[in-house]
Protein backbone atom coordinates (compact mmCIF):
# COMPACT_ATOMS: atom_id res chain seq x y z
CA MET A 1 -3.99 8.34 -26.97
CA PHE A 2 -0.50 6.65 -27.66
CA LEU A 3 1.92 5.04 -25.81
CA ARG A 4 5.37 6.63 -24.92
CA HIS A 5 8.24 5.63 -22.94
CA LYS A 6 11.62 7.25 -21.78
CA ILE A 7 14.96 5.75 -22.16
CA ARG A 8 17.31 6.39 -18.70
CA LYS A 9 20.22 5.20 -17.43
CA LYS A 10 20.63 3.71 -14.66
CA ASP A 11 23.77 1.78 -12.99
CA GLY A 12 25.15 1.56 -16.59
CA LYS A 13 21.70 0.01 -18.21
CA GLU A 14 19.03 1.27 -20.48
CA HIS A 15 16.01 1.00 -18.68
CA ARG A 16 12.84 1.74 -20.97
CA TYR A 17 10.13 3.38 -19.03
CA PHE A 18 6.15 3.46 -20.66
CA SER A 19 3.78 5.57 -20.69
CA VAL A 20 0.51 6.47 -22.03
CA VAL A 21 -0.59 9.96 -23.37
CA GLU A 22 -2.81 11.89 -25.20
CA ASN A 23 -2.63 15.19 -27.39
CA ARG A 24 -4.73 18.22 -26.17
CA ARG A 25 -5.10 21.59 -28.56
CA VAL A 26 -4.65 24.48 -26.34
CA ALA A 27 -5.20 28.43 -26.75
CA GLY A 28 -2.87 28.93 -29.83
CA GLY A 29 -3.44 26.39 -31.72
CA ARG A 30 -0.78 24.12 -29.90
CA VAL A 31 -1.04 20.85 -29.29
CA VAL A 32 0.42 19.32 -26.00
CA GLN A 33 0.65 15.87 -24.12
CA ARG A 34 -1.21 15.28 -20.98
CA HIS A 35 0.45 12.17 -19.41
CA VAL A 36 -2.29 9.47 -18.32
CA LEU A 37 -1.27 6.75 -16.90
CA TYR A 38 2.92 5.52 -15.95
CA LEU A 39 3.10 1.49 -16.46
CA GLY A 40 6.93 1.67 -15.89
CA GLU A 41 9.13 -1.14 -17.50
CA ILE A 42 6.34 -3.75 -19.70
CA ASN A 43 7.46 -6.42 -21.19
CA ASP A 44 6.95 -6.73 -25.67
CA THR A 45 3.54 -8.42 -25.12
CA GLN A 46 2.70 -6.71 -22.18
CA GLU A 47 3.24 -3.31 -24.79
CA LEU A 48 0.96 -4.73 -27.93
CA ALA A 49 -1.45 -5.89 -25.74
CA TRP A 50 -1.49 -2.41 -25.14
CA ARG A 51 -0.91 -0.64 -28.15
CA LYS A 52 -4.42 -2.71 -29.75
CA SER A 53 -6.02 -1.21 -26.82
CA ILE A 54 -5.24 1.87 -27.55
CA GLU A 55 -6.71 2.07 -31.05
CA VAL A 56 -9.35 -0.47 -30.72
CA LEU A 57 -9.96 2.63 -28.24
CA GLU A 58 -9.66 5.71 -30.69
CA GLU A 59 -11.36 3.93 -33.53
CA GLY A 60 -15.10 2.52 -31.08
CA SER A 61 -14.61 6.51 -30.26
CA ALA A 62 -18.27 8.35 -31.35
CA ARG A 63 -18.12 11.64 -33.29
CA PRO A 64 -20.13 13.96 -30.75
CA ARG A 65 -23.08 15.02 -31.82
CA THR A 66 -25.62 18.61 -31.16
CA LEU A 67 -28.38 17.96 -29.08
CA ALA A 68 -31.59 20.82 -29.68
CA LEU A 69 -33.53 20.73 -26.05
CA PHE A 70 -37.06 22.46 -25.72
CA PRO A 71 -38.20 23.80 -22.89
CA ALA A 72 -41.14 24.22 -21.61
CA ASP A 73 -42.74 27.86 -23.38
CA ARG A 74 -41.64 25.74 -27.01
CA CYS A 75 -44.40 23.09 -26.75
CA GLU A 76 -46.89 24.69 -28.64
CA GLY A 77 -49.41 22.46 -30.54
CA LEU A 78 -48.84 19.28 -28.02
CA LEU A 79 -52.54 17.57 -27.66
CA PRO A 80 -53.27 17.35 -23.36
CA ASP A 81 -51.57 14.02 -21.98
CA ALA A 82 -51.05 13.39 -18.11
CA SER A 83 -47.69 11.31 -19.91
CA ILE A 84 -46.22 14.09 -21.24
CA VAL A 85 -44.54 16.61 -18.51
CA ARG A 86 -43.26 19.57 -19.13
CA LEU A 87 -39.99 20.52 -18.26
CA LYS A 88 -38.61 24.36 -16.86
CA LEU A 89 -34.82 23.51 -18.41
CA SER A 90 -34.11 26.68 -17.85
CA GLN A 91 -34.68 26.06 -14.12
CA VAL A 92 -32.02 23.27 -13.68
CA ARG A 93 -30.06 22.89 -10.50
CA LEU A 94 -27.37 20.62 -10.53
CA CYS A 95 -26.79 19.39 -6.71
CA ARG A 96 -25.10 17.02 -4.48
CA PRO A 97 -21.35 15.85 -6.57
CA ARG A 98 -20.31 12.78 -4.59
CA GLN A 99 -17.21 10.78 -6.14
CA TRP A 100 -19.12 7.56 -6.99
CA GLY A 101 -15.98 5.97 -9.00
CA ALA A 102 -13.07 4.66 -6.85
CA CYS A 103 -16.76 4.12 -3.93
CA TRP A 104 -17.81 1.53 -6.94
CA LEU A 105 -14.33 0.03 -7.91
CA ALA A 106 -14.34 -0.61 -3.92
CA LEU A 107 -17.05 -2.06 -3.59
CA THR A 108 -16.42 -4.58 -6.78
CA LEU A 109 -13.39 -5.13 -5.40
CA TRP A 110 -14.78 -6.24 -1.78
CA ARG A 111 -17.62 -8.89 -4.37
CA GLU A 112 -14.61 -10.34 -6.01
CA LEU A 113 -13.09 -11.49 -2.44
CA ARG A 114 -16.91 -13.11 -1.31
CA LEU A 115 -16.28 -10.51 1.29
CA ASP A 116 -19.89 -8.90 1.64
CA ARG A 117 -21.22 -12.97 2.09
CA PHE A 118 -18.22 -13.56 4.46
CA TRP A 119 -19.21 -10.15 6.61
CA VAL A 120 -24.02 -10.62 6.33
CA GLU A 121 -23.72 -13.73 7.49
CA ARG A 122 -21.56 -12.38 10.88
CA LEU A 123 -22.70 -9.26 11.34
CA ALA A 124 -26.15 -9.51 11.13
CA ALA A 125 -28.72 -6.75 11.29
CA SER A 126 -29.82 -5.18 14.41
CA ARG A 127 -33.68 -5.35 15.75
CA LYS A 128 -33.44 -1.57 14.81
CA GLY A 129 -32.16 -2.24 11.38
CA THR A 130 -28.77 -1.17 11.30
CA ARG A 131 -26.52 -2.99 8.41
CA TRP A 132 -22.97 -3.65 10.44
CA ASP A 133 -21.97 -5.53 7.32
CA ALA A 134 -22.82 -2.02 5.54
CA VAL A 135 -21.30 -0.11 8.37
CA LEU A 136 -17.72 -1.79 8.45
CA PHE A 137 -17.35 -1.82 4.08
CA VAL A 138 -17.84 2.13 4.03
CA LEU A 139 -14.82 2.09 7.59
CA VAL A 140 -12.90 -0.25 4.72
CA ALA A 141 -13.82 1.76 1.90
CA TYR A 142 -12.91 4.81 4.06
CA ARG A 143 -9.46 3.57 5.40
CA LEU A 144 -8.98 2.54 1.36
CA LEU A 145 -10.01 5.78 0.01
CA ALA A 146 -9.52 8.94 2.19
CA PRO A 147 -8.02 7.25 4.88
CA GLY A 148 -8.88 9.47 7.98
CA SER A 149 -10.34 9.65 11.06
CA GLU A 150 -13.65 8.46 11.82
CA TRP A 151 -14.60 11.87 13.01
CA ARG A 152 -13.90 13.18 9.67
CA LEU A 153 -15.62 10.23 8.10
CA HIS A 154 -19.06 10.97 9.39
CA ARG A 155 -18.30 14.16 9.82
CA GLU A 156 -17.66 15.26 6.10
CA TRP A 157 -16.55 12.22 3.60
CA PHE A 158 -19.32 10.60 3.78
CA GLU A 159 -21.62 12.69 2.39
CA ARG A 160 -18.35 13.54 -0.34
CA SER A 161 -18.88 9.34 -1.91
CA ALA A 162 -21.38 8.42 -3.68
CA LEU A 163 -21.21 4.63 -0.99
CA ALA A 164 -24.84 5.92 -0.03
CA ASP A 165 -26.41 5.22 -4.12
CA LEU A 166 -24.36 1.84 -4.08
CA LEU A 167 -25.82 0.13 -1.44
CA GLY A 168 -29.13 1.42 -1.21
CA ALA A 169 -28.68 3.24 2.05
CA ASP A 170 -28.67 6.24 3.67
CA PHE A 171 -26.32 9.34 6.04
CA ALA A 172 -27.53 6.49 9.14
CA LEU A 173 -24.23 4.06 7.82
CA ALA A 174 -21.89 6.85 8.76
CA GLU A 175 -23.56 7.98 12.43
CA ILE A 176 -20.94 8.46 14.61
CA HIS A 177 -21.52 5.51 17.25
CA LYS A 178 -22.23 3.10 14.58
CA LEU A 179 -18.66 3.76 13.10
CA TYR A 180 -17.42 3.47 16.65
CA ALA A 181 -19.98 0.41 17.89
CA CYS A 182 -18.90 -1.47 14.79
CA HIS A 183 -15.32 -2.02 15.49
CA ASP A 184 -16.86 -4.25 18.57
CA ARG A 185 -18.07 -6.66 17.00
CA LEU A 186 -15.24 -7.73 14.34
CA LEU A 187 -12.59 -8.58 16.42
CA ALA A 188 -14.39 -12.55 17.11
CA HIS A 189 -14.59 -13.56 13.09
CA LYS A 190 -10.80 -12.53 12.89
CA GLN A 191 -9.40 -16.18 12.54
CA ALA A 192 -12.63 -16.96 10.52
CA LEU A 193 -11.49 -14.43 8.10
CA PHE A 194 -8.12 -15.56 7.52
CA ASP A 195 -9.07 -19.16 6.91
CA HIS A 196 -12.05 -17.43 4.02
CA LEU A 197 -9.01 -15.68 2.83
CA VAL A 198 -6.88 -18.69 1.87
CA GLY A 199 -9.44 -20.50 -0.38
CA ARG A 200 -10.57 -17.13 -2.30
CA TRP A 201 -6.31 -16.21 -2.70
CA ARG A 202 -6.20 -19.50 -4.03
CA ASP A 203 -9.08 -19.51 -6.41
CA LEU A 204 -8.83 -15.74 -7.85
CA PHE A 205 -4.77 -16.27 -8.33
CA ASN A 206 -3.97 -19.82 -8.00
CA ALA A 207 -1.78 -18.82 -4.55
CA SER A 208 0.39 -21.58 -3.61
CA PHE A 209 1.27 -20.94 0.36
CA ASP A 210 4.38 -23.47 0.29
CA VAL A 211 6.80 -19.73 0.68
CA LEU A 212 5.74 -17.72 3.38
CA LEU A 213 7.08 -13.95 4.32
CA TYR A 214 7.65 -13.23 7.80
CA ASP A 215 8.31 -9.65 9.02
CA LEU A 216 7.35 -7.40 12.02
CA THR A 217 7.11 -3.82 11.99
CA SER A 218 5.08 -1.70 14.75
CA THR A 219 2.69 1.75 14.73
CA TYR A 220 2.43 4.13 17.24
CA PHE A 221 -0.71 5.96 18.97
CA GLU A 222 -1.30 9.53 20.50
CA ALA A 223 -2.03 8.78 23.42
CA ASN A 224 -0.40 9.06 27.36
CA PRO A 225 0.39 6.18 29.36
CA PRO A 226 0.03 4.58 32.44
CA PHE A 227 -2.09 2.08 31.20
CA ALA A 228 -3.77 -0.33 32.74
CA GLU A 229 -1.77 -3.62 33.65
CA GLY A 230 -1.42 -6.33 30.25
CA ASP A 231 -1.90 -3.16 27.43
CA LYS A 232 -0.69 -3.75 24.58
CA ARG A 233 -0.03 0.03 24.21
CA ARG A 234 3.44 0.33 25.43
CA HIS A 235 7.45 1.96 24.63
CA GLY A 236 9.62 0.33 22.69
CA TYR A 237 11.28 -0.16 19.78
CA SER A 238 9.90 2.12 17.19
CA ARG A 239 10.33 1.67 13.50
CA ASP A 240 8.07 5.47 12.88
CA HIS A 241 11.15 6.71 14.35
CA ARG A 242 8.83 8.35 17.29
CA PRO A 243 10.30 7.00 20.56
CA ASP A 244 8.13 9.10 22.58
CA CYS A 245 5.20 7.83 21.83
CA VAL A 246 3.68 4.75 22.86
CA GLN A 247 3.30 1.87 19.89
CA VAL A 248 1.87 -2.11 19.77
CA VAL A 249 3.96 -5.04 17.36
CA ILE A 250 2.44 -6.60 14.05
CA ALA A 251 2.81 -9.49 12.82
CA LEU A 252 2.29 -9.91 9.61
CA ILE A 253 2.94 -13.08 7.07
CA VAL A 254 2.60 -12.95 3.62
CA THR A 255 3.46 -15.11 0.95
CA PRO A 256 5.79 -13.77 -2.58
CA GLU A 257 3.21 -12.34 -4.44
CA GLY A 258 2.08 -9.60 -1.09
CA LEU A 259 -1.24 -11.87 -0.97
CA PRO A 260 -1.32 -11.66 3.25
CA LEU A 261 -2.80 -14.73 5.28
CA ALA A 262 -2.49 -13.76 8.66
CA TYR A 263 -1.12 -10.98 10.83
CA GLU A 264 -1.03 -10.69 15.35
CA VAL A 265 -0.97 -7.46 16.95
CA LEU A 266 1.72 -8.11 19.85
CA PRO A 267 2.40 -5.30 22.93
CA GLY A 268 4.60 -3.02 21.34
CA ASN A 269 7.70 -3.69 23.84
CA THR A 270 7.83 -7.22 22.36
CA ALA A 271 11.27 -8.39 20.98
CA ASP A 272 11.46 -9.40 17.22
CA ASN A 273 13.04 -12.79 18.06
CA THR A 274 10.26 -13.58 20.90
CA THR A 275 7.55 -13.67 18.32
CA LEU A 276 8.26 -16.44 15.53
CA ARG A 277 7.85 -19.92 17.32
CA GLY A 278 3.69 -18.89 17.99
CA PHE A 279 3.52 -18.17 14.48
CA LEU A 280 5.20 -21.54 13.45
CA ASP A 281 2.96 -23.48 15.71
CA ARG A 282 -0.29 -21.18 14.69
CA ILE A 283 0.52 -21.67 10.59
CA GLU A 284 1.37 -25.80 11.31
CA ARG A 285 -2.49 -25.41 13.17
CA GLN A 286 -4.10 -23.46 9.72
CA TYR A 287 -2.33 -25.77 7.13
CA GLY A 288 -1.56 -28.39 8.86
CA LYS A 289 2.60 -29.79 8.40
CA ALA A 290 3.90 -29.45 4.89
CA ARG A 291 6.94 -28.68 2.81
CA ARG A 292 7.08 -25.01 3.95
CA ILE A 293 9.63 -22.42 3.40
CA TRP A 294 9.84 -19.52 5.74
CA LEU A 295 11.83 -16.21 4.18
CA MET A 296 12.73 -13.99 7.32
CA ASP A 297 15.11 -10.62 7.75
CA ARG A 298 17.64 -11.42 10.36
CA GLY A 299 16.90 -10.66 14.14
CA VAL A 300 13.35 -12.12 14.08
CA PRO A 301 14.45 -15.74 14.50
CA THR A 302 16.61 -16.72 17.45
CA GLU A 303 19.56 -20.08 17.11
CA GLU A 304 17.17 -22.01 19.77
CA VAL A 305 14.58 -21.89 16.66
CA LEU A 306 16.42 -22.16 13.98
CA ALA A 307 17.19 -25.55 15.75
CA GLU A 308 13.84 -27.01 16.39
CA MET A 309 13.14 -25.62 13.00
CA ARG A 310 15.98 -28.13 11.72
CA THR A 311 14.79 -31.21 14.27
CA ALA A 312 10.55 -30.50 13.60
CA ASP A 313 8.81 -33.59 10.98
CA PRO A 314 9.11 -32.42 8.36
CA PRO A 315 12.02 -29.97 8.65
CA ILE A 316 10.88 -26.45 9.02
CA GLN A 317 12.66 -25.41 5.96
CA TYR A 318 14.19 -21.36 6.18
CA LEU A 319 16.22 -18.40 4.64
CA VAL A 320 17.15 -15.88 6.77
CA GLY A 321 19.29 -12.82 6.85
CA THR A 322 22.56 -12.93 8.74
CA PRO A 323 24.15 -10.21 11.61
CA LYS A 324 27.17 -8.17 10.08
CA GLY A 325 28.82 -9.80 12.90
CA ARG A 326 28.53 -13.03 12.03
CA LEU A 327 30.13 -12.09 8.47
CA SER A 328 33.43 -10.76 10.36
CA ARG A 329 33.72 -14.33 11.98
CA LEU A 330 32.93 -16.76 8.87
CA GLU A 331 35.00 -14.01 5.85
CA ALA A 332 38.56 -16.46 6.35
CA ASP A 333 36.97 -19.52 5.35
CA LEU A 334 34.55 -17.50 2.57
CA LEU A 335 38.08 -16.23 1.22
CA ALA A 336 38.40 -19.65 0.23
CA ARG A 337 35.65 -20.45 -1.62
CA PRO A 338 35.27 -19.50 -5.25
CA TRP A 339 32.33 -17.50 -6.55
CA GLN A 340 29.38 -19.29 -8.26
CA GLN A 341 27.09 -16.90 -10.89
CA ALA A 342 23.38 -17.50 -9.64
CA ARG A 343 22.12 -15.17 -12.64
CA PRO A 344 22.99 -12.36 -14.01
CA GLY A 345 24.90 -10.01 -12.36
CA VAL A 346 24.98 -11.84 -8.42
CA GLN A 347 27.32 -13.77 -7.73
CA VAL A 348 27.30 -16.35 -4.68
CA LYS A 349 30.12 -17.93 -1.97
CA LEU A 350 28.13 -21.76 -0.38
CA LEU A 351 29.74 -22.71 2.88
CA PRO A 352 27.60 -25.59 3.90
CA GLN A 353 28.41 -25.82 8.34
CA ASP A 354 26.55 -27.74 10.70
CA GLY A 355 22.94 -28.18 8.68
CA GLU A 356 22.96 -25.80 7.38
CA LEU A 357 24.32 -23.84 4.15
CA TYR A 358 25.83 -19.96 4.36
CA VAL A 359 24.64 -18.05 1.34
CA PHE A 360 27.30 -14.99 0.87
CA ALA A 361 25.97 -12.99 -2.07
CA GLN A 362 26.72 -10.11 -4.30
CA SER A 363 25.11 -8.43 -6.64
CA ARG A 364 26.63 -5.79 -8.57
CA ASP A 365 23.68 -3.59 -8.92
CA ARG A 366 23.61 -3.78 -5.42
CA VAL A 367 27.43 -2.17 -5.29
CA ALA A 368 27.05 0.19 -7.29
CA LYS A 369 23.63 1.17 -5.57
CA GLU A 370 25.10 0.56 -2.41
CA ARG A 371 29.08 3.05 -3.42
CA ALA A 372 26.95 5.68 -4.82
CA MET A 373 25.36 6.25 -1.72
CA ARG A 374 27.73 6.51 0.20
CA CYS A 375 30.14 8.95 -1.81
CA ARG A 376 26.84 11.33 -1.70
CA GLN A 377 26.78 10.72 1.79
CA LEU A 378 30.39 10.63 2.34
CA LYS A 379 30.85 14.37 0.08
CA TRP A 380 28.25 15.74 1.88
CA LEU A 381 29.65 15.56 5.40
CA TRP A 382 33.03 16.40 4.35
CA LYS A 383 31.74 19.75 3.16
CA ARG A 384 29.80 20.52 6.10
CA LEU A 385 32.92 19.10 8.41
CA ALA A 386 34.69 21.92 6.16
CA GLN A 387 32.41 24.29 7.15
CA ILE A 388 31.68 23.86 10.79
CA ALA A 389 35.10 24.17 10.82
CA ALA A 390 35.77 27.15 9.48
CA MET A 391 32.66 28.45 11.78
CA LYS A 392 33.37 31.28 15.28
CA ILE A 393 31.63 29.32 17.34
CA THR A 394 31.66 28.12 20.73
CA ARG A 395 32.39 24.74 22.06
CA GLU A 396 28.77 24.13 23.12
CA GLU A 397 27.25 25.05 19.38
CA LEU A 398 30.37 23.66 18.17
CA LEU A 399 28.47 19.87 19.85
CA MET A 400 25.80 20.59 18.78
CA LYS A 401 26.54 20.79 14.87
CA LEU A 402 28.77 18.01 14.81
CA GLY A 403 25.62 15.76 15.98
CA ALA A 404 23.50 17.85 13.71
CA ALA A 405 25.81 16.45 10.85
CA ARG A 406 25.98 12.65 12.32
CA SER A 407 22.54 12.30 12.87
CA GLN A 408 22.76 13.50 8.58
CA ALA A 409 24.86 11.19 7.61
CA PRO A 410 25.62 8.53 10.06
CA THR A 411 26.77 5.89 7.36
CA ALA A 412 29.21 8.52 6.57
CA TRP A 413 30.08 9.53 9.79
CA ARG A 414 31.74 5.99 11.38
CA LEU A 415 34.52 6.17 8.56
CA VAL A 416 35.50 9.84 9.26
CA ALA A 417 38.39 10.11 12.28
CA ILE A 418 37.13 12.94 14.68
CA THR A 419 39.37 14.26 17.24
CA LEU A 420 38.32 17.02 19.22
CA GLU A 421 40.10 20.12 21.08
CA LYS A 422 39.93 19.00 25.20
CA LYS A 423 39.20 22.99 26.02
CA SER A 424 39.58 24.60 22.62
CA PRO A 425 36.22 24.92 20.08
CA THR A 426 38.42 23.01 17.53
CA PHE A 427 38.83 20.08 15.41
CA SER A 428 40.71 17.95 13.05
CA TYR A 429 39.84 15.41 10.60
CA ARG A 430 40.23 12.73 8.64
CA LEU A 431 39.16 9.62 6.21
CA ASP A 432 39.91 6.27 7.83
CA ARG A 433 40.97 4.68 4.85
CA ASN A 434 40.85 1.00 6.66
CA LYS A 435 36.91 1.50 7.41
CA LEU A 436 36.26 2.32 3.60
CA ARG A 437 38.13 -0.52 2.88
CA GLN A 438 36.31 -2.40 4.97
CA ALA A 439 32.62 -0.68 4.08
CA ARG A 440 33.45 -1.46 0.08
CA ARG A 441 34.03 -5.21 0.19
CA ARG A 442 30.64 -5.38 2.24
CA GLU A 443 29.05 -3.24 0.22
CA GLY A 444 26.13 -4.98 -2.17
CA ARG A 445 26.79 -7.73 -0.40
CA TYR A 446 24.24 -10.33 1.80
CA LEU A 447 25.10 -13.22 4.20
CA LEU A 448 22.34 -15.47 4.64
CA ARG A 449 21.66 -19.29 5.94
CA THR A 450 19.16 -21.62 5.32
CA ASN A 451 18.94 -25.65 5.81
CA LEU A 452 18.17 -25.99 2.28
CA THR A 453 20.92 -27.24 1.55
CA GLU A 454 20.91 -29.29 -1.79
CA THR A 455 18.37 -25.88 -3.07
CA ASP A 456 20.13 -24.18 -6.41
CA PRO A 457 22.05 -20.44 -5.58
CA ALA A 458 19.96 -18.70 -7.91
CA GLN A 459 17.14 -19.69 -6.68
CA LEU A 460 17.72 -19.05 -2.56
CA TRP A 461 18.99 -15.26 -4.07
CA SER A 462 15.23 -15.64 -5.45
CA TYR A 463 14.03 -16.26 -2.52
CA TYR A 464 15.88 -13.46 -0.43
CA LEU A 465 14.02 -11.25 -2.91
CA GLN A 466 10.67 -11.75 -2.40
CA LEU A 467 11.28 -10.25 1.26
CA VAL A 468 10.79 -7.13 -0.35
CA ALA A 469 6.62 -8.39 -0.67
CA VAL A 470 6.11 -7.69 2.91
CA GLU A 471 8.03 -4.58 2.81
CA GLU A 472 5.57 -3.41 0.52
CA ALA A 473 2.97 -4.80 3.47
CA PHE A 474 4.08 -1.94 5.83
CA LYS A 475 4.84 0.78 3.13
CA ASN A 476 1.27 0.51 2.38
CA LEU A 477 -0.02 -0.25 5.23
CA LYS A 478 1.22 3.04 6.46
CA GLY A 479 1.62 5.14 3.70
CA ASP A 480 -1.85 4.86 0.88
CA LEU A 481 -3.74 3.05 4.40
CA ALA A 482 -2.31 5.42 6.33
CA ILE A 483 -2.80 2.89 9.59
CA ARG A 484 -0.74 5.64 11.70
CA PRO A 485 -1.03 7.29 14.15
CA ILE A 486 -3.72 5.96 16.00
CA PHE A 487 -6.29 8.19 18.04
CA HIS A 488 -8.44 4.88 19.62
CA GLN A 489 -8.14 5.18 23.60
CA ASP A 490 -9.69 1.96 23.95
CA GLU A 491 -7.73 -1.09 23.61
CA GLY A 492 -10.35 -3.61 21.47
CA ARG A 493 -11.59 -0.40 18.87
CA VAL A 494 -7.53 -0.06 18.35
CA GLU A 495 -6.99 -3.65 17.57
CA ALA A 496 -9.95 -3.52 15.23
CA HIS A 497 -8.51 -0.66 13.61
CA ILE A 498 -5.87 -1.83 12.59
CA PHE A 499 -8.29 -5.20 11.42
CA ILE A 500 -10.42 -3.08 9.36
CA ALA A 501 -6.27 -2.41 7.54
CA PHE A 502 -6.08 -4.90 6.88
CA LEU A 503 -9.17 -5.32 5.24
CA ALA A 504 -8.72 -2.55 3.52
CA TYR A 505 -4.78 -4.23 2.41
CA CYS A 506 -6.60 -6.92 1.22
CA LEU A 507 -8.56 -4.64 -1.53
CA HIS A 508 -5.41 -3.02 -2.09
CA VAL A 509 -2.98 -6.21 -3.21
CA THR A 510 -6.39 -7.99 -5.14
CA LEU A 511 -6.39 -4.81 -7.26
CA GLY A 512 -2.86 -4.69 -7.36
CA ARG A 513 -2.20 -8.40 -8.26
CA ARG A 514 -4.81 -7.44 -10.90
CA LEU A 515 -2.72 -4.87 -12.05
CA HIS A 516 0.40 -6.39 -11.91
CA ALA A 517 -0.65 -8.01 -15.22
CA LEU A 518 -0.79 -5.68 -17.05
CA ALA A 519 1.80 -3.21 -16.06
CA PRO A 520 4.24 -3.42 -12.59
CA GLY A 521 4.44 0.54 -12.99
CA LEU A 522 0.69 0.84 -12.91
CA THR A 523 -0.14 1.31 -9.51
CA PRO A 524 -2.87 0.76 -7.30
CA ARG A 525 -3.45 4.60 -6.05
CA ASN A 526 -2.93 5.34 -9.69
CA VAL A 527 -6.21 3.30 -10.88
CA LEU A 528 -7.80 4.41 -8.04
CA ALA A 529 -7.46 8.32 -8.38
CA LYS A 530 -8.28 7.91 -12.43
CA PHE A 531 -11.61 5.94 -11.24
CA ALA A 532 -11.73 8.48 -7.96
CA ALA A 533 -12.70 11.22 -11.70
CA ILE A 534 -16.01 9.73 -11.95
CA GLN A 535 -18.67 11.33 -9.87
CA MET A 536 -22.29 11.63 -9.58
CA ILE A 537 -24.51 14.52 -9.03
CA ASP A 538 -28.16 14.87 -8.27
CA VAL A 539 -30.06 17.23 -11.72
CA HIS A 540 -33.26 18.47 -10.84
CA VAL A 541 -35.10 19.46 -12.90
CA PRO A 542 -38.93 21.43 -12.24
CA THR A 543 -42.29 20.74 -13.78
CA THR A 544 -44.63 22.97 -15.13
CA ASP A 545 -46.78 21.31 -13.17
CA GLY A 546 -44.99 21.76 -9.50
CA ARG A 547 -43.67 18.54 -9.58
CA GLU A 548 -40.06 17.99 -9.97
CA LEU A 549 -38.28 15.67 -12.17
CA VAL A 550 -34.59 14.39 -10.67
CA LEU A 551 -31.63 12.47 -12.58
CA THR A 552 -29.28 11.20 -10.60
CA ARG A 553 -26.53 10.78 -12.62
CA ARG A 554 -22.91 9.77 -12.62
CA THR A 555 -20.35 11.22 -15.18
CA GLU A 556 -19.25 9.60 -18.14
CA PRO A 557 -15.13 8.15 -18.09
CA GLU A 558 -12.81 9.44 -18.94
CA PRO A 559 -10.90 7.86 -22.00
CA GLU A 560 -8.15 6.60 -19.97
CA SER A 561 -10.24 5.54 -17.09
CA ILE A 562 -12.60 3.55 -20.01
CA LEU A 563 -8.63 2.37 -21.02
CA LEU A 564 -8.67 0.40 -17.91
CA LEU A 565 -12.19 -0.98 -17.46
CA ASP A 566 -11.38 -2.50 -20.74
CA LYS A 567 -8.09 -3.76 -19.18
CA LEU A 568 -10.14 -4.93 -15.79
CA ARG A 569 -13.25 -6.27 -17.71
CA LEU A 570 -14.69 -4.35 -15.77
CA GLU A 571 -18.22 -3.31 -16.55
CA LEU A 572 -20.14 0.39 -15.41
CA PRO A 573 -23.37 -0.49 -14.31
CA ALA A 574 -26.66 1.19 -16.02
CA GLN A 575 -27.34 4.75 -14.77
CA PRO A 576 -29.72 4.84 -11.59
CA PRO A 577 -33.79 5.43 -13.18
CA PRO A 578 -35.16 9.29 -12.49
CA LYS A 579 -37.43 10.26 -10.21
CA ILE A 580 -40.43 12.27 -9.83
CA THR A 581 -41.46 14.27 -6.64
CA SER A 582 -45.28 13.99 -6.28
CA GLN A 583 -45.06 18.38 -5.66
CA SER A 584 -42.34 20.82 -5.67
CA PRO A 585 -39.98 21.16 -2.60
CA ARG A 586 -40.23 24.39 -0.61
CA PRO A 587 -37.82 26.69 -0.39
CA GLN A 588 -35.39 26.18 3.31
CA VAL A 589 -35.24 30.44 4.69
CA LEU A 590 -32.69 30.15 7.00
CA MET A 591 -34.09 32.88 10.17
């Protein structure tokens, strides 16, 4: 294996993206390269560390050896001894292949966060011996590794995983009624979990909680209203573009590193700007009064709440995006202000006003990106309008095709003036150059407001960029962890479903933080997929005396998995001990 980099020009700059690849010899004597790991852009220190690890891995690899196996019919001359077991190697059976590596990694992360200790104290075993803490881990691991319905977990996935082997249990952990009943035991411990995670984030990653990111999203249901009075499932503004479905709103607080601190499930018709005050009170109760900075997107705080934050004791500091409508009101004042260099490629104008500081930021890279997106969309729309204009269609068909074009290119549509004839199915179109000039002036530009009036502009810009962390959390919840759609019918289990997804995200972000120090392009999903290649299998070897030797064995990791284990400083456990049955199992006969 070796490091290979690829140079790509983007926005006028060269970027080097690294990957770990290996050579494979194929038929005809050809050598092809197999992509093993994508690392993304890494710095010189990270590159050197990866090269050293690869060299050690290659130098330490053992040469293959040929081993001879002696079947029972070739053991002549051995003295009778009760300790000797003669094996019928010709009748070896390989049974129950199941996924082991990713399950083991999930359990390792679970224990690293000490969630095993946390839950064993709160979810005591039942009188019938049900280990509710283990059932919960099964639900969380399933949400992390192969998210789906509880019915699929019960029917298929658990038997295809090695969770029973890792937990020293059996299929009882995946009984369908236990999976659902476990949901009913979780929500009472939500606040205690938040307190526990704060300590673990501090111990593992030296996290501080001086800067907090706050945002909201929604998730929808495959369920039909009406629901009982007070049920949180309601129709509302859908960020998932499913206004036909009822939903709930999820409010989430994370650190700039993406470490989650708390969340709340709100009714689906909750307005974003009505949620912040409650979270300010909750964080103050949980962490005490302190000099804390809140980062929020526009639309979350109201003017009233911002005024309360400024007059609090001590003042609650904030940096918030501002709607573009306010930019129009401040444009004249901002034009008279000089540009300041905040960082390479980023310029800002500062406008103090009424105890706040307005920060008008312009990013050169963002200008190039938004301009390219607009040009691409406008070019497509212009071509499409020409095609529609040449068609011989009815007026109704014309309106439908224009509506489809508008939904496909909404940004470009605002820059085109379209005139429809009143009775005939014809239209004319032209580029609105005034709107185009205004769009060009605002591309790659943001208006922020803050009460951090003494902070360096570069620091303010870096704070605002950290809002990406909470957006990434929502992306992982909805993408990798597939929190949507939700099929539960009971409201309590709906919230428990989100609670389990939150726990899975905690494992996901823990792995992500460990990988970030190695290579930013190395994602948790990629690493989990690599470890999933490590399988567990039962090797059944019958003996000459009617017994059967059962060796439960995991496959040896591939070189890339060995490399990841070394970089993550993890060590695989020893292989399970072999078992021997008292007598050979009788074959099952299907009637």
